[in-house]
Each structure stands twice: as structure tokens, then as C-alpha cells.
Amino acid sequence: MTGVLSEYRGRKIVLALKLAAIRYAQEHGAISMRTKNDSLNPAILRLNQKLGYRAQPGKSILKSIL
């Protein structure tokens, strides 16, 4: 996941970080990538879609506190 402090949002920092990660992965032979995000965050959902990520069903994990 990529996070940016609220006072730095809207400056395309996440876009730059994600593009750098994609470039690095491609240069090192990756043929696919996955990302995780907050499904209630429309900005990151739009960005991931723009970058070519396709939505997949999520996973839920329940950890016992006992």
C-alpha cells in the first residue's frame, strides 16, 4: 500500500511512487503486479484503474483475540 500524509495529497506523489515501482518491476522481469487499497478510497481506485490494475475480489482475515 502507498500512503501520503494528508498535507501532501494532491501533488501526484502516489502516482510517481507507483510508476517508479512499476518501472522497477518491469526492469527486473515482472510480468504482473498486484496492489492493495482501501476500497472506500475513490482517488486510489481511479489511479489504480488508470494504471491498468483490474479490480479483484477482496479477502477478509479474522484473527482470534483469545
PDB file of N, CA and C in Angstrom:
ATOM      1  N   MET A   1       0.845  -1.183   0.000  1.00  0.00           N
ATOM      2  CA  MET A   1       0.000   0.000   0.000  1.00  0.00           C
ATOM      3  C   MET A   1       0.887   1.241   0.000  1.00  0.00           C
ATOM      4  N   THR A   2       0.371   2.282  -0.557  1.00  0.00           N
ATOM      5  CA  THR A   2       1.086   3.554  -0.623  1.00  0.00           C
ATOM      6  C   THR A   2       0.315   4.566   0.199  1.00  0.00           C
ATOM      7  N   GLY A   3       0.999   5.276   1.054  1.00  0.00           N
ATOM      8  CA  GLY A   3       0.331   6.289   1.864  1.00  0.00           C
ATOM      9  C   GLY A   3       1.075   7.610   1.803  1.00  0.00           C
ATOM     10  N   VAL A   4       0.324   8.688   1.807  1.00  0.00           N
ATOM     11  CA  VAL A   4       0.899  10.034   1.787  1.00  0.00           C
ATOM     12  C   VAL A   4       0.185  10.850   2.858  1.00  0.00           C
ATOM     13  N   LEU A   5       0.947  11.576   3.643  1.00  0.00           N
ATOM     14  CA  LEU A   5       0.347  12.434   4.658  1.00  0.00           C
ATOM     15  C   LEU A   5      -0.645  13.394   4.012  1.00  0.00           C
ATOM     16  N   SER A   6      -1.713  13.684   4.732  1.00  0.00           N
ATOM     17  CA  SER A   6      -2.800  14.486   4.162  1.00  0.00           C
ATOM     18  C   SER A   6      -2.329  15.830   3.616  1.00  0.00           C
ATOM     19  N   GLU A   7      -1.360  16.448   4.258  1.00  0.00           N
ATOM     20  CA  GLU A   7      -0.908  17.762   3.776  1.00  0.00           C
ATOM     21  C   GLU A   7      -0.132  17.688   2.462  1.00  0.00           C
ATOM     22  N   TYR A   8       0.230  16.466   2.027  1.00  0.00           N
ATOM     23  CA  TYR A   8       0.952  16.300   0.767  1.00  0.00           C
ATOM     24  C   TYR A   8       0.091  15.666  -0.327  1.00  0.00           C
ATOM     25  N   ARG A   9      -1.157  15.389  -0.037  1.00  0.00           N
ATOM     26  CA  ARG A   9      -2.034  14.773  -1.032  1.00  0.00           C
ATOM     27  C   ARG A   9      -2.360  15.768  -2.142  1.00  0.00           C
ATOM     28  N   GLY A  10      -2.658  15.224  -3.300  1.00  0.00           N
ATOM     29  CA  GLY A  10      -2.992  16.067  -4.449  1.00  0.00           C
ATOM     30  C   GLY A  10      -1.779  16.566  -5.208  1.00  0.00           C
ATOM     31  N   ARG A  11      -0.587  16.084  -4.866  1.00  0.00           N
ATOM     32  CA  ARG A  11       0.642  16.517  -5.542  1.00  0.00           C
ATOM     33  C   ARG A  11       1.220  15.447  -6.462  1.00  0.00           C
ATOM     34  N   LYS A  12       0.428  14.408  -6.716  1.00  0.00           N
ATOM     35  CA  LYS A  12       0.816  13.306  -7.606  1.00  0.00           C
ATOM     36  C   LYS A  12       2.016  12.511  -7.081  1.00  0.00           C
ATOM     37  N   ILE A  13       2.214  12.531  -5.776  1.00  0.00           N
ATOM     38  CA  ILE A  13       3.298  11.764  -5.158  1.00  0.00           C
ATOM     39  C   ILE A  13       3.035  10.269  -5.295  1.00  0.00           C
ATOM     40  N   VAL A  14       1.798   9.851  -5.048  1.00  0.00           N
ATOM     41  CA  VAL A  14       1.464   8.425  -5.165  1.00  0.00           C
ATOM     42  C   VAL A  14       1.655   7.957  -6.605  1.00  0.00           C
ATOM     43  N   LEU A  15       1.256   8.766  -7.567  1.00  0.00           N
ATOM     44  CA  LEU A  15       1.456   8.407  -8.972  1.00  0.00           C
ATOM     45  C   LEU A  15       2.941   8.188  -9.246  1.00  0.00           C
ATOM     46  N   ALA A  16       3.790   9.099  -8.800  1.00  0.00           N
ATOM     47  CA  ALA A  16       5.230   8.966  -9.022  1.00  0.00           C
ATOM     48  C   ALA A  16       5.779   7.700  -8.357  1.00  0.00           C
ATOM     49  N   LEU A  17       5.344   7.414  -7.139  1.00  0.00           N
ATOM     50  CA  LEU A  17       5.811   6.216  -6.437  1.00  0.00           C
ATOM     51  C   LEU A  17       5.358   4.945  -7.142  1.00  0.00           C
ATOM     52  N   LYS A  18       4.094   4.916  -7.551  1.00  0.00           N
ATOM     53  CA  LYS A  18       3.586   3.723  -8.229  1.00  0.00           C
ATOM     54  C   LYS A  18       4.273   3.525  -9.584  1.00  0.00           C
ATOM     55  N   LEU A  19       4.500   4.596 -10.330  1.00  0.00           N
ATOM     56  CA  LEU A  19       5.193   4.479 -11.614  1.00  0.00           C
ATOM     57  C   LEU A  19       6.630   3.993 -11.412  1.00  0.00           C
ATOM     58  N   ALA A  20       7.301   4.468 -10.365  1.00  0.00           N
ATOM     59  CA  ALA A  20       8.659   4.002 -10.072  1.00  0.00           C
ATOM     60  C   ALA A  20       8.657   2.514  -9.727  1.00  0.00           C
ATOM     61  N   ALA A  21       7.660   2.075  -8.965  1.00  0.00           N
ATOM     62  CA  ALA A  21       7.560   0.661  -8.600  1.00  0.00           C
ATOM     63  C   ALA A  21       7.291  -0.202  -9.834  1.00  0.00           C
ATOM     64  N   ILE A  22       6.408   0.269 -10.716  1.00  0.00           N
ATOM     65  CA  ILE A  22       6.108  -0.464 -11.944  1.00  0.00           C
ATOM     66  C   ILE A  22       7.354  -0.558 -12.818  1.00  0.00           C
ATOM     67  N   ARG A  23       8.047   0.546 -12.973  1.00  0.00           N
ATOM     68  CA  ARG A  23       9.276   0.569 -13.782  1.00  0.00           C
ATOM     69  C   ARG A  23      10.319  -0.404 -13.219  1.00  0.00           C
ATOM     70  N   TYR A  24      10.506  -0.376 -11.911  1.00  0.00           N
ATOM     71  CA  TYR A  24      11.467  -1.263 -11.254  1.00  0.00           C
ATOM     72  C   TYR A  24      11.090  -2.725 -11.499  1.00  0.00           C
ATOM     73  N   ALA A  25       9.808  -3.027 -11.325  1.00  0.00           N
ATOM     74  CA  ALA A  25       9.345  -4.407 -11.513  1.00  0.00           C
ATOM     75  C   ALA A  25       9.569  -4.866 -12.953  1.00  0.00           C
ATOM     76  N   GLN A  26       9.254  -4.013 -13.910  1.00  0.00           N
ATOM     77  CA  GLN A  26       9.450  -4.367 -15.318  1.00  0.00           C
ATOM     78  C   GLN A  26      10.926  -4.589 -15.626  1.00  0.00           C
ATOM     79  N   GLU A  27      11.783  -3.730 -15.102  1.00  0.00           N
ATOM     80  CA  GLU A  27      13.222  -3.855 -15.337  1.00  0.00           C
ATOM     81  C   GLU A  27      13.791  -5.134 -14.735  1.00  0.00           C
ATOM     82  N   HIS A  28      13.095  -5.694 -13.766  1.00  0.00           N
ATOM     83  CA  HIS A  28      13.558  -6.907 -13.100  1.00  0.00           C
ATOM     84  C   HIS A  28      12.733  -8.135 -13.483  1.00  0.00           C
ATOM     85  N   GLY A  29      12.029  -8.046 -14.611  1.00  0.00           N
ATOM     86  CA  GLY A  29      11.384  -9.208 -15.194  1.00  0.00           C
ATOM     87  C   GLY A  29       9.980  -9.530 -14.732  1.00  0.00           C
ATOM     88  N   ALA A  30       9.364  -8.672 -13.972  1.00  0.00           N
ATOM     89  CA  ALA A  30       7.994  -8.949 -13.523  1.00  0.00           C
ATOM     90  C   ALA A  30       7.047  -8.944 -14.721  1.00  0.00           C
ATOM     91  N   ILE A  31       6.121  -9.879 -14.713  1.00  0.00           N
ATOM     92  CA  ILE A  31       5.127  -9.931 -15.786  1.00  0.00           C
ATOM     93  C   ILE A  31       3.744  -9.532 -15.293  1.00  0.00           C
ATOM     94  N   SER A  32       3.588  -9.403 -13.983  1.00  0.00           N
ATOM     95  CA  SER A  32       2.333  -8.918 -13.420  1.00  0.00           C
ATOM     96  C   SER A  32       2.611  -8.301 -12.054  1.00  0.00           C
ATOM     97  N   MET A  33       1.680  -7.499 -11.611  1.00  0.00           N
ATOM     98  CA  MET A  33       1.794  -6.859 -10.295  1.00  0.00           C
ATOM     99  C   MET A  33       0.421  -6.850  -9.647  1.00  0.00           C
ATOM    100  N   ARG A  34       0.407  -6.775  -8.331  1.00  0.00           N
ATOM    101  CA  ARG A  34      -0.826  -6.630  -7.562  1.00  0.00           C
ATOM    102  C   ARG A  34      -0.675  -5.440  -6.637  1.00  0.00           C
ATOM    103  N   THR A  35      -1.782  -4.879  -6.275  1.00  0.00           N
ATOM    104  CA  THR A  35      -1.784  -3.799  -5.307  1.00  0.00           C
ATOM    105  C   THR A  35      -2.956  -4.008  -4.361  1.00  0.00           C
ATOM    106  N   LYS A  36      -2.856  -3.463  -3.193  1.00  0.00           N
ATOM    107  CA  LYS A  36      -3.958  -3.480  -2.232  1.00  0.00           C
ATOM    108  C   LYS A  36      -4.323  -2.035  -1.960  1.00  0.00           C
ATOM    109  N   ASN A  37      -5.580  -1.809  -1.669  1.00  0.00           N
ATOM    110  CA  ASN A  37      -6.005  -0.444  -1.389  1.00  0.00           C
ATOM    111  C   ASN A  37      -7.271  -0.451  -0.543  1.00  0.00           C
ATOM    112  N   ASP A  38      -7.587   0.703  -0.031  1.00  0.00           N
ATOM    113  CA  ASP A  38      -8.834   0.900   0.705  1.00  0.00           C
ATOM    114  C   ASP A  38      -9.947   0.988  -0.328  1.00  0.00           C
ATOM    115  N   SER A  39     -10.867   0.037  -0.304  1.00  0.00           N
ATOM    116  CA  SER A  39     -11.923   0.007  -1.321  1.00  0.00           C
ATOM    117  C   SER A  39     -12.899   1.176  -1.194  1.00  0.00           C
ATOM    118  N   LEU A  40     -12.771   1.969  -0.139  1.00  0.00           N
ATOM    119  CA  LEU A  40     -13.626   3.144   0.032  1.00  0.00           C
ATOM    120  C   LEU A  40     -12.893   4.441  -0.326  1.00  0.00           C
ATOM    121  N   ASN A  41     -11.722   4.334  -0.948  1.00  0.00           N
ATOM    122  CA  ASN A  41     -10.916   5.494  -1.329  1.00  0.00           C
ATOM    123  C   ASN A  41     -11.026   5.691  -2.843  1.00  0.00           C
ATOM    124  N   PRO A  42     -11.948   6.558  -3.294  1.00  0.00           N
ATOM    125  CA  PRO A  42     -12.163   6.715  -4.742  1.00  0.00           C
ATOM    126  C   PRO A  42     -10.932   7.223  -5.493  1.00  0.00           C
ATOM    127  N   ALA A  43     -10.093   8.033  -4.862  1.00  0.00           N
ATOM    128  CA  ALA A  43      -8.917   8.566  -5.556  1.00  0.00           C
ATOM    129  C   ALA A  43      -7.944   7.452  -5.924  1.00  0.00           C
ATOM    130  N   ILE A  44      -7.664   6.548  -4.991  1.00  0.00           N
ATOM    131  CA  ILE A  44      -6.714   5.473  -5.291  1.00  0.00           C
ATOM    132  C   ILE A  44      -7.335   4.457  -6.236  1.00  0.00           C
ATOM    133  N   LEU A  45      -8.638   4.245  -6.145  1.00  0.00           N
ATOM    134  CA  LEU A  45      -9.299   3.338  -7.077  1.00  0.00           C
ATOM    135  C   LEU A  45      -9.179   3.867  -8.507  1.00  0.00           C
ATOM    136  N   ARG A  46      -9.392   5.170  -8.699  1.00  0.00           N
ATOM    137  CA  ARG A  46      -9.259   5.784 -10.034  1.00  0.00           C
ATOM    138  C   ARG A  46      -7.819   5.674 -10.538  1.00  0.00           C
ATOM    139  N   LEU A  47      -6.862   5.962  -9.660  1.00  0.00           N
ATOM    140  CA  LEU A  47      -5.460   5.910 -10.070  1.00  0.00           C
ATOM    141  C   LEU A  47      -5.069   4.489 -10.459  1.00  0.00           C
ATOM    142  N   ASN A  48      -5.440   3.519  -9.641  1.00  0.00           N
ATOM    143  CA  ASN A  48      -5.101   2.137  -9.967  1.00  0.00           C
ATOM    144  C   ASN A  48      -5.730   1.705 -11.285  1.00  0.00           C
ATOM    145  N   GLN A  49      -6.962   2.123 -11.532  1.00  0.00           N
ATOM    146  CA  GLN A  49      -7.618   1.793 -12.798  1.00  0.00           C
ATOM    147  C   GLN A  49      -6.872   2.448 -13.965  1.00  0.00           C
ATOM    148  N   LYS A  50      -6.484   3.705 -13.784  1.00  0.00           N
ATOM    149  CA  LYS A  50      -5.740   4.432 -14.822  1.00  0.00           C
ATOM    150  C   LYS A  50      -4.417   3.727 -15.145  1.00  0.00           C
ATOM    151  N   LEU A  51      -3.793   3.125 -14.126  1.00  0.00           N
ATOM    152  CA  LEU A  51      -2.517   2.439 -14.317  1.00  0.00           C
ATOM    153  C   LEU A  51      -2.694   1.021 -14.853  1.00  0.00           C
ATOM    154  N   GLY A  52      -3.936   0.577 -15.014  1.00  0.00           N
ATOM    155  CA  GLY A  52      -4.182  -0.724 -15.616  1.00  0.00           C
ATOM    156  C   GLY A  52      -4.503  -1.842 -14.651  1.00  0.00           C
ATOM    157  N   TYR A  53      -4.574  -1.534 -13.368  1.00  0.00           N
ATOM    158  CA  TYR A  53      -4.959  -2.575 -12.412  1.00  0.00           C
ATOM    159  C   TYR A  53      -6.431  -2.910 -12.605  1.00  0.00           C
ATOM    160  N   ARG A  54      -6.763  -4.175 -12.462  1.00  0.00           N
ATOM    161  CA  ARG A  54      -8.149  -4.630 -12.560  1.00  0.00           C
ATOM    162  C   ARG A  54      -8.635  -5.027 -11.173  1.00  0.00           C
ATOM    163  N   ALA A  55      -9.852  -4.645 -10.851  1.00  0.00           N
ATOM    164  CA  ALA A  55     -10.420  -4.980  -9.542  1.00  0.00           C
ATOM    165  C   ALA A  55     -10.597  -6.486  -9.420  1.00  0.00           C
ATOM    166  N   GLN A  56     -10.273  -7.012  -8.260  1.00  0.00           N
ATOM    167  CA  GLN A  56     -10.422  -8.425  -7.935  1.00  0.00           C
ATOM    168  C   GLN A  56     -11.164  -8.527  -6.612  1.00  0.00           C
ATOM    169  N   PRO A  57     -11.809  -9.659  -6.360  1.00  0.00           N
ATOM    170  CA  PRO A  57     -12.472  -9.822  -5.059  1.00  0.00           C
ATOM    171  C   PRO A  57     -11.463  -9.685  -3.923  1.00  0.00           C
ATOM    172  N   GLY A  58     -11.886  -9.066  -2.844  1.00  0.00           N
ATOM    173  CA  GLY A  58     -11.019  -8.879  -1.693  1.00  0.00           C
ATOM    174  C   GLY A  58     -10.979 -10.097  -0.800  1.00  0.00           C
ATOM    175  N   LYS A  59     -10.143 -10.030   0.208  1.00  0.00           N
ATOM    176  CA  LYS A  59     -10.012 -11.099   1.195  1.00  0.00           C
ATOM    177  C   LYS A  59     -10.298 -10.510   2.571  1.00  0.00           C
ATOM    178  N   SER A  60     -10.897 -11.301   3.392  1.00  0.00           N
ATOM    179  CA  SER A  60     -11.129 -10.920   4.785  1.00  0.00           C
ATOM    180  C   SER A  60     -10.385 -11.892   5.672  1.00  0.00           C
ATOM    181  N   ILE A  61      -9.713 -11.363   6.684  1.00  0.00           N
ATOM    182  CA  ILE A  61      -8.985 -12.206   7.625  1.00  0.00           C
ATOM    183  C   ILE A  61      -9.485 -11.888   9.017  1.00  0.00           C
ATOM    184  N   LEU A  62      -9.901 -12.913   9.726  1.00  0.00           N
ATOM    185  CA  LEU A  62     -10.358 -12.768  11.086  1.00  0.00           C
ATOM    186  C   LEU A  62      -9.343 -13.438  11.986  1.00  0.00           C
ATOM    187  N   LYS A  63      -8.761 -12.653  12.893  1.00  0.00           N
ATOM    188  CA  LYS A  63      -7.782 -13.204  13.824  1.00  0.00           C
ATOM    189  C   LYS A  63      -8.425 -13.268  15.195  1.00  0.00           C
ATOM    190  N   SER A  64      -8.280 -14.394  15.824  1.00  0.00           N
ATOM    191  CA  SER A  64      -8.838 -14.578  17.145  1.00  0.00           C
ATOM    192  C   SER A  64      -8.027 -13.789  18.158  1.00  0.00           C
ATOM    193  N   ILE A  65      -8.712 -13.145  19.073  1.00  0.00           N
ATOM    194  CA  ILE A  65      -8.018 -12.414  20.135  1.00  0.00           C
ATOM    195  C   ILE A  65      -7.924 -13.248  21.406  1.00  0.00           C
ATOM    196  N   LEU A  66      -8.400 -14.466  21.327  1.00  0.00           N
ATOM    197  CA  LEU A  66      -8.360 -15.361  22.502  1.00  0.00           C
ATOM    198  C   LEU A  66      -7.095 -16.148  22.540  1.00  0.00           C
TER     199      LEU A  66
END
